[in-house]
Amino acid sequence: MLYGLVACMTPLLRPSLLFAAGAGMGLAHGLLCPALDALAVEGVPRAHCGAVMTYFLGAFNAGFALWVLGLGLVAKAHGYPVVFAATGLLVWASRLALPKSGHGSAA
């Protein structure tokens, strides 16, 4: 949820906070991406892990590309603060789609 926090704070960004925002985003990315990669191949036979990661990362990058294109239109119409706030709120809302059960428990 660090991604959401940093994105929501971006409209308030000023030069003195640039390093902190970059560190927060780097930390969030460094924690989230390996966890998502591991989740994508959980339970997949070793022989199919490469294919699963190809599809997963392809979808991940396609989502980034579409998000940038779509939000470019929003930024043009409403400004960057709206884009960053919407992105941060969407990250927080995505928490609702994550599994509620702990590791190893019945879903």
PDB file of N, CA and C in Angstrom:
ATOM      1  N   MET A   1       0.816  -1.185   0.000  1.00  0.00           N
ATOM      2  CA  MET A   1       0.000   0.000   0.000  1.00  0.00           C
ATOM      3  C   MET A   1       0.867   1.259   0.000  1.00  0.00           C
ATOM      4  N   LEU A   2       2.190   1.034   0.079  1.00  0.00           N
ATOM      5  CA  LEU A   2       3.118   2.160   0.004  1.00  0.00           C
ATOM      6  C   LEU A   2       3.002   2.876  -1.343  1.00  0.00           C
ATOM      7  N   TYR A   3       2.764   2.104  -2.410  1.00  0.00           N
ATOM      8  CA  TYR A   3       2.547   2.725  -3.722  1.00  0.00           C
ATOM      9  C   TYR A   3       1.417   3.753  -3.646  1.00  0.00           C
ATOM     10  N   GLY A   4       0.304   3.338  -3.075  1.00  0.00           N
ATOM     11  CA  GLY A   4      -0.850   4.232  -2.967  1.00  0.00           C
ATOM     12  C   GLY A   4      -0.560   5.468  -2.149  1.00  0.00           C
ATOM     13  N   LEU A   5       0.162   5.289  -1.051  1.00  0.00           N
ATOM     14  CA  LEU A   5       0.506   6.418  -0.193  1.00  0.00           C
ATOM     15  C   LEU A   5       1.384   7.422  -0.932  1.00  0.00           C
ATOM     16  N   VAL A   6       2.419   6.933  -1.598  1.00  0.00           N
ATOM     17  CA  VAL A   6       3.326   7.832  -2.322  1.00  0.00           C
ATOM     18  C   VAL A   6       2.586   8.519  -3.467  1.00  0.00           C
ATOM     19  N   ALA A   7       1.756   7.759  -4.199  1.00  0.00           N
ATOM     20  CA  ALA A   7       1.016   8.367  -5.313  1.00  0.00           C
ATOM     21  C   ALA A   7       0.045   9.437  -4.808  1.00  0.00           C
ATOM     22  N   CYS A   8      -0.626   9.178  -3.723  1.00  0.00           N
ATOM     23  CA  CYS A   8      -1.564  10.166  -3.168  1.00  0.00           C
ATOM     24  C   CYS A   8      -0.849  11.418  -2.670  1.00  0.00           C
ATOM     25  N   MET A   9       0.383  11.266  -2.231  1.00  0.00           N
ATOM     26  CA  MET A   9       1.146  12.408  -1.728  1.00  0.00           C
ATOM     27  C   MET A   9       1.792  13.220  -2.858  1.00  0.00           C
ATOM     28  N   THR A  10       1.855  12.667  -4.060  1.00  0.00           N
ATOM     29  CA  THR A  10       2.542  13.321  -5.168  1.00  0.00           C
ATOM     30  C   THR A  10       1.973  14.692  -5.518  1.00  0.00           C
ATOM     31  N   PRO A  11       0.652  14.911  -5.462  1.00  0.00           N
ATOM     32  CA  PRO A  11       0.176  16.276  -5.754  1.00  0.00           C
ATOM     33  C   PRO A  11       0.727  17.335  -4.794  1.00  0.00           C
ATOM     34  N   LEU A  12       1.174  16.917  -3.624  1.00  0.00           N
ATOM     35  CA  LEU A  12       1.729  17.845  -2.642  1.00  0.00           C
ATOM     36  C   LEU A  12       3.247  17.976  -2.763  1.00  0.00           C
ATOM     37  N   LEU A  13       3.808  17.303  -3.739  1.00  0.00           N
ATOM     38  CA  LEU A  13       5.258  17.218  -3.881  1.00  0.00           C
ATOM     39  C   LEU A  13       5.890  18.581  -4.141  1.00  0.00           C
ATOM     40  N   ARG A  14       6.998  18.797  -3.483  1.00  0.00           N
ATOM     41  CA  ARG A  14       7.822  19.978  -3.720  1.00  0.00           C
ATOM     42  C   ARG A  14       9.270  19.498  -3.747  1.00  0.00           C
ATOM     43  N   PRO A  15      10.188  20.292  -4.241  1.00  0.00           N
ATOM     44  CA  PRO A  15      11.567  19.832  -4.406  1.00  0.00           C
ATOM     45  C   PRO A  15      12.195  19.229  -3.152  1.00  0.00           C
ATOM     46  N   SER A  16      11.866  19.737  -1.988  1.00  0.00           N
ATOM     47  CA  SER A  16      12.481  19.220  -0.765  1.00  0.00           C
ATOM     48  C   SER A  16      12.017  17.804  -0.428  1.00  0.00           C
ATOM     49  N   LEU A  17      10.900  17.355  -1.011  1.00  0.00           N
ATOM     50  CA  LEU A  17      10.381  16.012  -0.742  1.00  0.00           C
ATOM     51  C   LEU A  17      10.644  15.029  -1.874  1.00  0.00           C
ATOM     52  N   LEU A  18      11.334  15.481  -2.912  1.00  0.00           N
ATOM     53  CA  LEU A  18      11.556  14.632  -4.082  1.00  0.00           C
ATOM     54  C   LEU A  18      12.330  13.360  -3.739  1.00  0.00           C
ATOM     55  N   PHE A  19      13.367  13.475  -2.922  1.00  0.00           N
ATOM     56  CA  PHE A  19      14.154  12.301  -2.547  1.00  0.00           C
ATOM     57  C   PHE A  19      13.307  11.309  -1.751  1.00  0.00           C
ATOM     58  N   ALA A  20      12.523  11.805  -0.807  1.00  0.00           N
ATOM     59  CA  ALA A  20      11.674  10.928   0.009  1.00  0.00           C
ATOM     60  C   ALA A  20      10.632  10.218  -0.847  1.00  0.00           C
ATOM     61  N   ALA A  21      10.031  10.939  -1.788  1.00  0.00           N
ATOM     62  CA  ALA A  21       9.041  10.316  -2.672  1.00  0.00           C
ATOM     63  C   ALA A  21       9.692   9.255  -3.551  1.00  0.00           C
ATOM     64  N   GLY A  22      10.861   9.542  -4.077  1.00  0.00           N
ATOM     65  CA  GLY A  22      11.581   8.562  -4.897  1.00  0.00           C
ATOM     66  C   GLY A  22      11.982   7.346  -4.092  1.00  0.00           C
ATOM     67  N   ALA A  23      12.434   7.559  -2.870  1.00  0.00           N
ATOM     68  CA  ALA A  23      12.800   6.435  -2.004  1.00  0.00           C
ATOM     69  C   ALA A  23      11.574   5.596  -1.656  1.00  0.00           C
ATOM     70  N   GLY A  24      10.461   6.254  -1.376  1.00  0.00           N
ATOM     71  CA  GLY A  24       9.229   5.528  -1.069  1.00  0.00           C
ATOM     72  C   GLY A  24       8.747   4.708  -2.248  1.00  0.00           C
ATOM     73  N   MET A  25       8.787   5.279  -3.448  1.00  0.00           N
ATOM     74  CA  MET A  25       8.358   4.553  -4.638  1.00  0.00           C
ATOM     75  C   MET A  25       9.317   3.409  -4.952  1.00  0.00           C
ATOM     76  N   GLY A  26      10.605   3.646  -4.781  1.00  0.00           N
ATOM     77  CA  GLY A  26      11.584   2.579  -5.009  1.00  0.00           C
ATOM     78  C   GLY A  26      11.419   1.432  -4.027  1.00  0.00           C
ATOM     79  N   LEU A  27      11.186   1.751  -2.775  1.00  0.00           N
ATOM     80  CA  LEU A  27      10.955   0.718  -1.769  1.00  0.00           C
ATOM     81  C   LEU A  27       9.680  -0.064  -2.074  1.00  0.00           C
ATOM     82  N   ALA A  28       8.622   0.643  -2.433  1.00  0.00           N
ATOM     83  CA  ALA A  28       7.357  -0.022  -2.767  1.00  0.00           C
ATOM     84  C   ALA A  28       7.538  -0.963  -3.954  1.00  0.00           C
ATOM     85  N   HIS A  29       8.220  -0.494  -4.973  1.00  0.00           N
ATOM     86  CA  HIS A  29       8.439  -1.314  -6.169  1.00  0.00           C
ATOM     87  C   HIS A  29       9.331  -2.503  -5.845  1.00  0.00           C
ATOM     88  N   GLY A  30      10.357  -2.284  -5.052  1.00  0.00           N
ATOM     89  CA  GLY A  30      11.274  -3.355  -4.679  1.00  0.00           C
ATOM     90  C   GLY A  30      10.630  -4.446  -3.839  1.00  0.00           C
ATOM     91  N   LEU A  31       9.597  -4.103  -3.093  1.00  0.00           N
ATOM     92  CA  LEU A  31       8.876  -5.095  -2.299  1.00  0.00           C
ATOM     93  C   LEU A  31       7.741  -5.745  -3.089  1.00  0.00           C
ATOM     94  N   LEU A  32       7.025  -4.946  -3.851  1.00  0.00           N
ATOM     95  CA  LEU A  32       5.833  -5.439  -4.527  1.00  0.00           C
ATOM     96  C   LEU A  32       6.141  -6.350  -5.711  1.00  0.00           C
ATOM     97  N   CYS A  33       7.060  -5.958  -6.566  1.00  0.00           N
ATOM     98  CA  CYS A  33       7.291  -6.728  -7.791  1.00  0.00           C
ATOM     99  C   CYS A  33       7.770  -8.152  -7.529  1.00  0.00           C
ATOM    100  N   PRO A  34       8.755  -8.392  -6.679  1.00  0.00           N
ATOM    101  CA  PRO A  34       9.129  -9.785  -6.420  1.00  0.00           C
ATOM    102  C   PRO A  34       7.995 -10.587  -5.787  1.00  0.00           C
ATOM    103  N   ALA A  35       7.191  -9.947  -4.944  1.00  0.00           N
ATOM    104  CA  ALA A  35       6.065 -10.654  -4.329  1.00  0.00           C
ATOM    105  C   ALA A  35       5.022 -11.033  -5.377  1.00  0.00           C
ATOM    106  N   LEU A  36       4.726 -10.121  -6.301  1.00  0.00           N
ATOM    107  CA  LEU A  36       3.772 -10.432  -7.370  1.00  0.00           C
ATOM    108  C   LEU A  36       4.306 -11.519  -8.297  1.00  0.00           C
ATOM    109  N   ASP A  37       5.606 -11.463  -8.600  1.00  0.00           N
ATOM    110  CA  ASP A  37       6.216 -12.507  -9.441  1.00  0.00           C
ATOM    111  C   ASP A  37       6.078 -13.874  -8.781  1.00  0.00           C
ATOM    112  N   ALA A  38       6.364 -13.941  -7.496  1.00  0.00           N
ATOM    113  CA  ALA A  38       6.257 -15.213  -6.773  1.00  0.00           C
ATOM    114  C   ALA A  38       4.813 -15.696  -6.734  1.00  0.00           C
ATOM    115  N   LEU A  39       3.887 -14.785  -6.552  1.00  0.00           N
ATOM    116  CA  LEU A  39       2.475 -15.151  -6.526  1.00  0.00           C
ATOM    117  C   LEU A  39       2.017 -15.673  -7.887  1.00  0.00           C
ATOM    118  N   ALA A  40       2.528 -15.089  -8.953  1.00  0.00           N
ATOM    119  CA  ALA A  40       2.132 -15.508 -10.300  1.00  0.00           C
ATOM    120  C   ALA A  40       2.516 -16.952 -10.592  1.00  0.00           C
ATOM    121  N   VAL A  41       3.638 -17.403 -10.067  1.00  0.00           N
ATOM    122  CA  VAL A  41       4.088 -18.771 -10.371  1.00  0.00           C
ATOM    123  C   VAL A  41       3.816 -19.764  -9.249  1.00  0.00           C
ATOM    124  N   GLU A  42       3.132 -19.311  -8.203  1.00  0.00           N
ATOM    125  CA  GLU A  42       2.818 -20.218  -7.099  1.00  0.00           C
ATOM    126  C   GLU A  42       1.945 -21.370  -7.600  1.00  0.00           C
ATOM    127  N   GLY A  43       2.385 -22.589  -7.345  1.00  0.00           N
ATOM    128  CA  GLY A  43       1.638 -23.774  -7.744  1.00  0.00           C
ATOM    129  C   GLY A  43       1.788 -24.156  -9.204  1.00  0.00           C
ATOM    130  N   VAL A  44       2.591 -23.420  -9.960  1.00  0.00           N
ATOM    131  CA  VAL A  44       2.798 -23.714 -11.384  1.00  0.00           C
ATOM    132  C   VAL A  44       3.960 -24.698 -11.511  1.00  0.00           C
ATOM    133  N   PRO A  45       3.804 -25.755 -12.320  1.00  0.00           N
ATOM    134  CA  PRO A  45       4.926 -26.669 -12.528  1.00  0.00           C
ATOM    135  C   PRO A  45       6.155 -25.921 -13.055  1.00  0.00           C
ATOM    136  N   ARG A  46       7.319 -26.328 -12.605  1.00  0.00           N
ATOM    137  CA  ARG A  46       8.566 -25.655 -12.966  1.00  0.00           C
ATOM    138  C   ARG A  46       8.714 -25.487 -14.480  1.00  0.00           C
ATOM    139  N   ALA A  47       8.287 -26.458 -15.246  1.00  0.00           N
ATOM    140  CA  ALA A  47       8.427 -26.414 -16.708  1.00  0.00           C
ATOM    141  C   ALA A  47       7.588 -25.295 -17.338  1.00  0.00           C
ATOM    142  N   HIS A  48       6.591 -24.801 -16.637  1.00  0.00           N
ATOM    143  CA  HIS A  48       5.710 -23.769 -17.179  1.00  0.00           C
ATOM    144  C   HIS A  48       5.941 -22.386 -16.568  1.00  0.00           C
ATOM    145  N   CYS A  49       6.865 -22.266 -15.638  1.00  0.00           N
ATOM    146  CA  CYS A  49       7.097 -20.977 -14.962  1.00  0.00           C
ATOM    147  C   CYS A  49       7.519 -19.883 -15.932  1.00  0.00           C
ATOM    148  N   GLY A  50       8.355 -20.207 -16.899  1.00  0.00           N
ATOM    149  CA  GLY A  50       8.798 -19.201 -17.871  1.00  0.00           C
ATOM    150  C   GLY A  50       7.643 -18.639 -18.676  1.00  0.00           C
ATOM    151  N   ALA A  51       6.750 -19.522 -19.121  1.00  0.00           N
ATOM    152  CA  ALA A  51       5.591 -19.069 -19.893  1.00  0.00           C
ATOM    153  C   ALA A  51       4.664 -18.224 -19.030  1.00  0.00           C
ATOM    154  N   VAL A  52       4.437 -18.657 -17.795  1.00  0.00           N
ATOM    155  CA  VAL A  52       3.565 -17.898 -16.901  1.00  0.00           C
ATOM    156  C   VAL A  52       4.146 -16.505 -16.653  1.00  0.00           C
ATOM    157  N   MET A  53       5.448 -16.428 -16.414  1.00  0.00           N
ATOM    158  CA  MET A  53       6.065 -15.122 -16.167  1.00  0.00           C
ATOM    159  C   MET A  53       6.009 -14.242 -17.416  1.00  0.00           C
ATOM    160  N   THR A  54       6.136 -14.843 -18.597  1.00  0.00           N
ATOM    161  CA  THR A  54       6.033 -14.072 -19.837  1.00  0.00           C
ATOM    162  C   THR A  54       4.658 -13.439 -19.960  1.00  0.00           C
ATOM    163  N   TYR A  55       3.615 -14.223 -19.748  1.00  0.00           N
ATOM    164  CA  TYR A  55       2.254 -13.686 -19.819  1.00  0.00           C
ATOM    165  C   TYR A  55       1.998 -12.668 -18.714  1.00  0.00           C
ATOM    166  N   PHE A  56       2.455 -12.978 -17.520  1.00  0.00           N
ATOM    167  CA  PHE A  56       2.230 -12.080 -16.389  1.00  0.00           C
ATOM    168  C   PHE A  56       2.898 -10.726 -16.621  1.00  0.00           C
ATOM    169  N   LEU A  57       4.175 -10.740 -16.978  1.00  0.00           N
ATOM    170  CA  LEU A  57       4.891  -9.475 -17.178  1.00  0.00           C
ATOM    171  C   LEU A  57       4.395  -8.740 -18.421  1.00  0.00           C
ATOM    172  N   GLY A  58       3.969  -9.487 -19.440  1.00  0.00           N
ATOM    173  CA  GLY A  58       3.377  -8.847 -20.617  1.00  0.00           C
ATOM    174  C   GLY A  58       2.097  -8.108 -20.250  1.00  0.00           C
ATOM    175  N   ALA A  59       1.252  -8.756 -19.461  1.00  0.00           N
ATOM    176  CA  ALA A  59       0.010  -8.118 -19.019  1.00  0.00           C
ATOM    177  C   ALA A  59       0.305  -6.924 -18.106  1.00  0.00           C
ATOM    178  N   PHE A  60       1.285  -7.081 -17.239  1.00  0.00           N
ATOM    179  CA  PHE A  60       1.693  -6.007 -16.330  1.00  0.00           C
ATOM    180  C   PHE A  60       2.125  -4.778 -17.121  1.00  0.00           C
ATOM    181  N   ASN A  61       2.985  -4.982 -18.122  1.00  0.00           N
ATOM    182  CA  ASN A  61       3.487  -3.868 -18.927  1.00  0.00           C
ATOM    183  C   ASN A  61       2.416  -3.293 -19.840  1.00  0.00           C
ATOM    184  N   ALA A  62       1.530  -4.128 -20.365  1.00  0.00           N
ATOM    185  CA  ALA A  62       0.420  -3.618 -21.176  1.00  0.00           C
ATOM    186  C   ALA A  62      -0.489  -2.742 -20.316  1.00  0.00           C
ATOM    187  N   GLY A  63      -0.708  -3.164 -19.074  1.00  0.00           N
ATOM    188  CA  GLY A  63      -1.507  -2.347 -18.169  1.00  0.00           C
ATOM    189  C   GLY A  63      -0.874  -0.995 -17.913  1.00  0.00           C
ATOM    190  N   PHE A  64       0.450  -0.982 -17.724  1.00  0.00           N
ATOM    191  CA  PHE A  64       1.146   0.299 -17.562  1.00  0.00           C
ATOM    192  C   PHE A  64       0.945   1.184 -18.779  1.00  0.00           C
ATOM    193  N   ALA A  65       1.117   0.616 -19.968  1.00  0.00           N
ATOM    194  CA  ALA A  65       1.002   1.390 -21.205  1.00  0.00           C
ATOM    195  C   ALA A  65      -0.402   1.967 -21.366  1.00  0.00           C
ATOM    196  N   LEU A  66      -1.414   1.149 -21.142  1.00  0.00           N
ATOM    197  CA  LEU A  66      -2.791   1.630 -21.274  1.00  0.00           C
ATOM    198  C   LEU A  66      -3.121   2.682 -20.222  1.00  0.00           C
ATOM    199  N   TRP A  67      -2.607   2.473 -19.004  1.00  0.00           N
ATOM    200  CA  TRP A  67      -2.854   3.429 -17.923  1.00  0.00           C
ATOM    201  C   TRP A  67      -2.236   4.785 -18.269  1.00  0.00           C
ATOM    202  N   VAL A  68      -1.030   4.778 -18.815  1.00  0.00           N
ATOM    203  CA  VAL A  68      -0.360   6.027 -19.190  1.00  0.00           C
ATOM    204  C   VAL A  68      -1.142   6.737 -20.293  1.00  0.00           C
ATOM    205  N   LEU A  69      -1.580   5.985 -21.292  1.00  0.00           N
ATOM    206  CA  LEU A  69      -2.332   6.606 -22.378  1.00  0.00           C
ATOM    207  C   LEU A  69      -3.657   7.187 -21.873  1.00  0.00           C
ATOM    208  N   GLY A  70      -4.376   6.426 -21.079  1.00  0.00           N
ATOM    209  CA  GLY A  70      -5.654   6.897 -20.565  1.00  0.00           C
ATOM    210  C   GLY A  70      -5.512   8.084 -19.640  1.00  0.00           C
ATOM    211  N   LEU A  71      -4.529   8.007 -18.753  1.00  0.00           N
ATOM    212  CA  LEU A  71      -4.368   9.104 -17.803  1.00  0.00           C
ATOM    213  C   LEU A  71      -3.727  10.332 -18.421  1.00  0.00           C
ATOM    214  N   GLY A  72      -3.095  10.157 -19.566  1.00  0.00           N
ATOM    215  CA  GLY A  72      -2.596  11.325 -20.291  1.00  0.00           C
ATOM    216  C   GLY A  72      -3.750  12.242 -20.685  1.00  0.00           C
ATOM    217  N   LEU A  73      -4.852  11.630 -21.096  1.00  0.00           N
ATOM    218  CA  LEU A  73      -6.037  12.412 -21.447  1.00  0.00           C
ATOM    219  C   LEU A  73      -6.631  13.096 -20.222  1.00  0.00           C
ATOM    220  N   VAL A  74      -6.642  12.389 -19.102  1.00  0.00           N
ATOM    221  CA  VAL A  74      -7.153  12.973 -17.857  1.00  0.00           C
ATOM    222  C   VAL A  74      -6.256  14.127 -17.415  1.00  0.00           C
ATOM    223  N   ALA A  75      -4.934  13.934 -17.498  1.00  0.00           N
ATOM    224  CA  ALA A  75      -3.994  14.992 -17.108  1.00  0.00           C
ATOM    225  C   ALA A  75      -4.167  16.228 -17.987  1.00  0.00           C
ATOM    226  N   LYS A  76      -4.390  15.994 -19.261  1.00  0.00           N
ATOM    227  CA  LYS A  76      -4.567  17.127 -20.170  1.00  0.00           C
ATOM    228  C   LYS A  76      -5.825  17.918 -19.813  1.00  0.00           C
ATOM    229  N   ALA A  77      -6.868  17.204 -19.425  1.00  0.00           N
ATOM    230  CA  ALA A  77      -8.136  17.867 -19.127  1.00  0.00           C
ATOM    231  C   ALA A  77      -8.199  18.446 -17.709  1.00  0.00           C
ATOM    232  N   HIS A  78      -7.594  17.754 -16.734  1.00  0.00           N
ATOM    233  CA  HIS A  78      -7.783  18.140 -15.334  1.00  0.00           C
ATOM    234  C   HIS A  78      -6.500  18.424 -14.561  1.00  0.00           C
ATOM    235  N   GLY A  79      -5.352  18.105 -15.117  1.00  0.00           N
ATOM    236  CA  GLY A  79      -4.089  18.368 -14.448  1.00  0.00           C
ATOM    237  C   GLY A  79      -3.509  17.130 -13.763  1.00  0.00           C
ATOM    238  N   TYR A  80      -2.226  17.188 -13.498  1.00  0.00           N
ATOM    239  CA  TYR A  80      -1.520  16.054 -12.901  1.00  0.00           C
ATOM    240  C   TYR A  80      -1.939  15.720 -11.471  1.00  0.00           C
ATOM    241  N   PRO A  81      -2.270  16.694 -10.630  1.00  0.00           N
ATOM    242  CA  PRO A  81      -2.693  16.316  -9.270  1.00  0.00           C
ATOM    243  C   PRO A  81      -3.883  15.353  -9.264  1.00  0.00           C
ATOM    244  N   VAL A  82      -4.823  15.545 -10.175  1.00  0.00           N
ATOM    245  CA  VAL A  82      -5.974  14.647 -10.253  1.00  0.00           C
ATOM    246  C   VAL A  82      -5.525  13.244 -10.651  1.00  0.00           C
ATOM    247  N   VAL A  83      -4.585  13.168 -11.588  1.00  0.00           N
ATOM    248  CA  VAL A  83      -4.082  11.867 -12.043  1.00  0.00           C
ATOM    249  C   VAL A  83      -3.405  11.124 -10.891  1.00  0.00           C
ATOM    250  N   PHE A  84      -2.534  11.794 -10.171  1.00  0.00           N
ATOM    251  CA  PHE A  84      -1.823  11.138  -9.074  1.00  0.00           C
ATOM    252  C   PHE A  84      -2.768  10.741  -7.943  1.00  0.00           C
ATOM    253  N   ALA A  85      -3.717  11.604  -7.627  1.00  0.00           N
ATOM    254  CA  ALA A  85      -4.683  11.268  -6.583  1.00  0.00           C
ATOM    255  C   ALA A  85      -5.542  10.075  -7.006  1.00  0.00           C
ATOM    256  N   ALA A  86      -5.996  10.055  -8.249  1.00  0.00           N
ATOM    257  CA  ALA A  86      -6.817   8.939  -8.740  1.00  0.00           C
ATOM    258  C   ALA A  86      -6.025   7.641  -8.738  1.00  0.00           C
ATOM    259  N   THR A  87      -4.762   7.702  -9.133  1.00  0.00           N
ATOM    260  CA  THR A  87      -3.926   6.508  -9.144  1.00  0.00           C
ATOM    261  C   THR A  87      -3.723   5.986  -7.728  1.00  0.00           C
ATOM    262  N   GLY A  88      -3.417   6.863  -6.803  1.00  0.00           N
ATOM    263  CA  GLY A  88      -3.230   6.443  -5.419  1.00  0.00           C
ATOM    264  C   GLY A  88      -4.485   5.839  -4.830  1.00  0.00           C
ATOM    265  N   LEU A  89      -5.624   6.453  -5.111  1.00  0.00           N
ATOM    266  CA  LEU A  89      -6.887   5.921  -4.592  1.00  0.00           C
ATOM    267  C   LEU A  89      -7.224   4.571  -5.219  1.00  0.00           C
ATOM    268  N   LEU A  90      -6.902   4.403  -6.490  1.00  0.00           N
ATOM    269  CA  LEU A  90      -7.141   3.110  -7.132  1.00  0.00           C
ATOM    270  C   LEU A  90      -6.267   2.022  -6.522  1.00  0.00           C
ATOM    271  N   VAL A  91      -5.027   2.362  -6.207  1.00  0.00           N
ATOM    272  CA  VAL A  91      -4.152   1.391  -5.546  1.00  0.00           C
ATOM    273  C   VAL A  91      -4.749   0.981  -4.204  1.00  0.00           C
ATOM    274  N   TRP A  92      -5.220   1.947  -3.447  1.00  0.00           N
ATOM    275  CA  TRP A  92      -5.833   1.628  -2.148  1.00  0.00           C
ATOM    276  C   TRP A  92      -7.102   0.801  -2.342  1.00  0.00           C
ATOM    277  N   ALA A  93      -7.908   1.133  -3.341  1.00  0.00           N
ATOM    278  CA  ALA A  93      -9.143   0.388  -3.588  1.00  0.00           C
ATOM    279  C   ALA A  93      -8.852  -1.036  -4.067  1.00  0.00           C
ATOM    280  N   SER A  94      -7.735  -1.224  -4.730  1.00  0.00           N
ATOM    281  CA  SER A  94      -7.391  -2.567  -5.224  1.00  0.00           C
ATOM    282  C   SER A  94      -7.160  -3.543  -4.075  1.00  0.00           C
ATOM    283  N   ARG A  95      -6.940  -3.027  -2.902  1.00  0.00           N
ATOM    284  CA  ARG A  95      -6.765  -3.872  -1.715  1.00  0.00           C
ATOM    285  C   ARG A  95      -7.987  -4.755  -1.503  1.00  0.00           C
ATOM    286  N   LEU A  96      -9.132  -4.287  -1.927  1.00  0.00           N
ATOM    287  CA  LEU A  96     -10.367  -5.056  -1.772  1.00  0.00           C
ATOM    288  C   LEU A  96     -10.366  -6.322  -2.629  1.00  0.00           C
ATOM    289  N   ALA A  97      -9.573  -6.317  -3.703  1.00  0.00           N
ATOM    290  CA  ALA A  97      -9.524  -7.475  -4.600  1.00  0.00           C
ATOM    291  C   ALA A  97      -8.518  -8.529  -4.135  1.00  0.00           C
ATOM    292  N   LEU A  98      -7.694  -8.205  -3.151  1.00  0.00           N
ATOM    293  CA  LEU A  98      -6.692  -9.163  -2.689  1.00  0.00           C
ATOM    294  C   LEU A  98      -7.332 -10.226  -1.804  1.00  0.00           C
ATOM    295  N   PRO A  99      -6.750 -11.414  -1.790  1.00  0.00           N
ATOM    296  CA  PRO A  99      -7.315 -12.474  -0.943  1.00  0.00           C
ATOM    297  C   PRO A  99      -7.339 -12.069   0.522  1.00  0.00           C
ATOM    298  N   LYS A 100      -8.368 -12.479   1.202  1.00  0.00           N
ATOM    299  CA  LYS A 100      -8.522 -12.136   2.624  1.00  0.00           C
ATOM    300  C   LYS A 100      -7.886 -13.165   3.536  1.00  0.00           C
ATOM    301  N   SER A 101      -7.666 -14.379   3.032  1.00  0.00           N
ATOM    302  CA  SER A 101      -7.135 -15.452   3.881  1.00  0.00           C
ATOM    303  C   SER A 101      -5.615 -15.365   3.967  1.00  0.00           C
ATOM    304  N   GLY A 102      -5.073 -15.891   5.054  1.00  0.00           N
ATOM    305  CA  GLY A 102      -3.623 -15.948   5.235  1.00  0.00           C
ATOM    306  C   GLY A 102      -3.023 -17.089   4.444  1.00  0.00           C
ATOM    307  N   HIS A 103      -1.717 -17.151   4.400  1.00  0.00           N
ATOM    308  CA  HIS A 103      -1.006 -18.193   3.664  1.00  0.00           C
ATOM    309  C   HIS A 103      -1.353 -19.566   4.239  1.00  0.00           C
ATOM    310  N   GLY A 104      -1.736 -20.484   3.375  1.00  0.00           N
ATOM    311  CA  GLY A 104      -1.990 -21.852   3.796  1.00  0.00           C
ATOM    312  C   GLY A 104      -3.373 -22.114   4.367  1.00  0.00           C
ATOM    313  N   SER A 105      -4.184 -21.080   4.509  1.00  0.00           N
ATOM    314  CA  SER A 105      -5.524 -21.300   5.058  1.00  0.00           C
ATOM    315  C   SER A 105      -6.526 -21.449   3.910  1.00  0.00           C
ATOM    316  N   ALA A 106      -7.651 -22.012   4.206  1.00  0.00           N
ATOM    317  CA  ALA A 106      -8.679 -22.200   3.184  1.00  0.00           C
ATOM    318  C   ALA A 106      -9.277 -20.849   2.808  1.00  0.00           C
ATOM    319  N   ALA A 107      -9.469 -20.651   1.522  1.00  0.00           N
ATOM    320  CA  ALA A 107     -10.012 -19.366   1.042  1.00  0.00           C
ATOM    321  C   ALA A 107     -11.513 -19.344   1.146  1.00  0.00           C
TER     322      ALA A 107
END
